[in-house]
Amino acid sequence: MATGKRVTSKYYPGGEDFEVTEFPFYWITRLHAKYGLELEKKLKVVGLDVSRWRVAMLLRAYGEMSISRIAEEAHGKLPTVTKIVYRMQDEGLVLIRQSQSDGRISEVSLTARGAEVVDQVNGSTKDLFKRLFKGVSEAQIRRLNETLALLLGNLSD
């Protein structure tokens, strides 16, 4: 879309020449659903679901996080994420402690067991990622990420 040409209505539902297979969200939705099904199979083996996996991966990436930041990063509702985090604490996957700088904030981190579960899932999903990105270059992945981040930013304005 950086060609300087005007985008036609075939990409937008309701456009005169709309084509469903030209609508980016058709592909995003299908990919998300298919990936989710494949991931669920892998997660079931270690006793996780996608919601708890998302929290665990964020904690692996960022270290300690507040529950509100986890909700923000995961685009989840705070009450739902709070329930997920406390469930994970009950399972021994995360540790929740009061922030030393602000007692109103709960800080969350992975426990050793939680980190071990993340490592297990990463090992069991390696083949899924290889299959998913077969024939896709690093430059294509980088460009896809940039485009998706731009679209998300457009919705956040």
Protein backbone atom coordinates (compact mmCIF):
# COMPACT_ATOMS: atom_id res chain seq x y z
CA MET A 1 0.00 0.00 0.00
CA ALA A 2 3.07 2.16 -0.13
CA THR A 3 2.82 2.20 -3.92
CA GLY A 4 1.18 5.60 -3.97
CA LYS A 5 -1.90 4.15 -5.65
CA ARG A 6 -5.27 4.40 -4.00
CA VAL A 7 -6.40 1.16 -2.37
CA THR A 8 -9.47 -0.27 -4.07
CA SER A 9 -12.62 -1.30 -2.29
CA LYS A 10 -12.00 -4.99 -3.01
CA TYR A 11 -10.15 -5.13 0.33
CA TYR A 12 -13.03 -3.77 2.39
CA PRO A 13 -16.34 -5.49 3.24
CA GLY A 14 -19.13 -3.48 1.71
CA GLY A 15 -16.96 -2.26 -1.16
CA GLU A 16 -18.41 -2.50 -4.63
CA ASP A 17 -15.79 -5.00 -5.77
CA PHE A 18 -15.11 -6.64 -2.38
CA GLU A 19 -13.47 -10.06 -2.57
CA VAL A 20 -13.38 -11.98 0.70
CA THR A 21 -10.02 -13.59 -0.10
CA GLU A 22 -8.52 -10.12 -0.63
CA PHE A 23 -9.63 -8.98 2.85
CA PRO A 24 -6.56 -9.19 5.14
CA PHE A 25 -8.63 -10.13 8.18
CA TYR A 26 -9.97 -13.16 6.32
CA TRP A 27 -6.41 -14.51 6.33
CA ILE A 28 -5.52 -13.21 9.79
CA THR A 29 -8.61 -14.84 11.30
CA ARG A 30 -8.03 -18.15 9.53
CA LEU A 31 -4.35 -18.18 10.50
CA HIS A 32 -5.11 -17.27 14.10
CA ALA A 33 -7.75 -20.01 14.38
CA LYS A 34 -5.58 -22.69 12.77
CA TYR A 35 -2.51 -21.72 14.80
CA GLY A 36 -4.63 -21.70 17.97
CA LEU A 37 -5.87 -25.24 17.31
CA GLU A 38 -2.36 -26.51 16.65
CA LEU A 39 -0.99 -24.72 19.71
CA GLU A 40 -3.76 -26.07 21.95
CA LYS A 41 -2.71 -29.63 21.08
CA LYS A 42 0.86 -28.87 22.19
CA LEU A 43 -0.22 -27.03 25.34
CA LYS A 44 -2.57 -29.80 26.45
CA VAL A 45 0.42 -32.09 26.91
CA VAL A 46 1.84 -29.82 29.64
CA GLY A 47 -1.56 -28.92 31.11
CA LEU A 48 -1.82 -25.34 29.85
CA ASP A 49 -4.37 -23.45 27.82
CA VAL A 50 -3.74 -20.56 25.44
CA SER A 51 -4.59 -17.89 28.04
CA ARG A 52 -2.11 -19.18 30.61
CA TRP A 53 0.46 -19.71 27.88
CA ARG A 54 0.11 -16.09 26.77
CA VAL A 55 0.74 -14.89 30.34
CA ALA A 56 3.71 -17.25 30.74
CA MET A 57 5.28 -16.10 27.46
CA LEU A 58 4.91 -12.44 28.40
CA LEU A 59 6.57 -13.10 31.75
CA ARG A 60 9.36 -15.01 30.03
CA ALA A 61 9.90 -12.10 27.64
CA TYR A 62 9.59 -9.21 30.11
CA GLY A 63 10.41 -10.75 33.48
CA GLU A 64 8.37 -9.29 36.32
CA MET A 65 5.19 -7.49 35.24
CA SER A 66 2.17 -5.98 36.91
CA ILE A 67 -1.14 -7.70 36.28
CA SER A 68 -2.41 -4.56 34.54
CA ARG A 69 0.59 -4.56 32.19
CA ILE A 70 0.02 -8.24 31.40
CA ALA A 71 -3.61 -7.40 30.56
CA GLU A 72 -2.47 -4.49 28.39
CA GLU A 73 0.16 -6.52 26.51
CA ALA A 74 -2.23 -9.45 26.02
CA HIS A 75 -5.16 -7.18 25.11
CA GLY A 76 -7.17 -8.92 27.80
CA LYS A 77 -9.66 -7.64 30.31
CA LEU A 78 -8.10 -6.94 33.69
CA PRO A 79 -10.56 -9.07 35.72
CA THR A 80 -10.02 -12.03 33.37
CA VAL A 81 -6.23 -11.72 33.42
CA THR A 82 -6.29 -11.36 37.20
CA LYS A 83 -8.19 -14.66 37.51
CA ILE A 84 -5.75 -16.35 35.13
CA VAL A 85 -2.71 -15.09 37.08
CA TYR A 86 -4.13 -16.22 40.44
CA ARG A 87 -4.96 -19.61 38.96
CA MET A 88 -1.38 -19.86 37.72
CA GLN A 89 -0.18 -18.98 41.21
CA ASP A 90 -2.31 -21.80 42.64
CA GLU A 91 -0.64 -24.13 40.11
CA GLY A 92 2.82 -22.99 41.16
CA LEU A 93 3.62 -21.38 37.81
CA VAL A 94 3.89 -17.76 38.94
CA LEU A 95 4.66 -15.79 42.04
CA ILE A 96 2.58 -12.71 42.90
CA ARG A 97 3.96 -10.14 45.29
CA GLN A 98 3.10 -6.62 46.26
CA SER A 99 5.18 -3.94 44.53
CA GLN A 100 7.68 -2.32 46.86
CA SER A 101 7.24 1.05 45.15
CA ASP A 102 3.42 1.00 45.10
CA GLY A 103 1.50 -1.30 47.41
CA ARG A 104 -1.57 -1.17 45.17
CA ILE A 105 0.27 -2.99 42.39
CA SER A 106 0.71 -6.76 42.22
CA GLU A 107 3.93 -7.84 40.50
CA VAL A 108 4.00 -11.24 38.80
CA SER A 109 6.98 -13.40 37.85
CA LEU A 110 7.49 -16.96 36.69
CA THR A 111 8.51 -19.54 39.24
CA ALA A 112 11.18 -22.11 38.42
CA ARG A 113 8.35 -24.54 37.63
CA GLY A 114 6.70 -21.94 35.37
CA ALA A 115 9.96 -21.39 33.49
CA GLU A 116 10.32 -25.16 33.13
CA VAL A 117 6.82 -25.41 31.63
CA VAL A 118 7.66 -22.60 29.16
CA ASP A 119 10.80 -24.50 28.15
CA GLN A 120 8.74 -27.68 27.66
CA VAL A 121 6.25 -25.89 25.45
CA ASN A 122 9.00 -24.18 23.47
CA GLY A 123 10.55 -27.57 22.82
CA SER A 124 7.28 -29.16 21.79
CA THR A 125 6.27 -26.26 19.52
CA LYS A 126 9.56 -26.04 17.66
CA ASP A 127 8.24 -28.17 14.80
CA LEU A 128 5.05 -26.08 14.65
CA PHE A 129 7.05 -22.88 14.18
CA LYS A 130 9.29 -24.51 11.56
CA ARG A 131 6.21 -25.67 9.66
CA LEU A 132 4.46 -22.32 10.04
CA PHE A 133 7.39 -20.28 8.71
CA LYS A 134 8.56 -22.73 6.03
CA GLY A 135 9.53 -20.72 2.95
CA VAL A 136 9.27 -17.38 4.78
CA SER A 137 12.42 -15.28 4.96
CA GLU A 138 13.55 -13.28 7.97
CA ALA A 139 12.95 -10.10 5.96
CA GLN A 140 9.35 -11.19 5.26
CA ILE A 141 8.75 -11.89 8.94
CA ARG A 142 10.21 -8.52 9.89
CA ARG A 143 8.01 -6.75 7.30
CA LEU A 144 4.92 -8.66 8.46
CA ASN A 145 5.62 -7.66 12.07
CA GLU A 146 6.10 -4.03 11.03
CA THR A 147 2.84 -4.02 9.09
CA LEU A 148 0.88 -5.66 11.90
CA ALA A 149 2.35 -3.24 14.44
CA LEU A 150 1.35 -0.33 12.18
CA LEU A 151 -2.21 -1.63 11.89
CA LEU A 152 -2.44 -2.11 15.66
CA GLY A 153 -1.11 1.40 16.19
CA ASN A 154 -3.75 2.75 13.83
CA LEU A 155 -6.44 1.19 16.02
CA SER A 156 -4.79 2.58 19.15
CA ASP A 157 -4.92 6.21 17.97
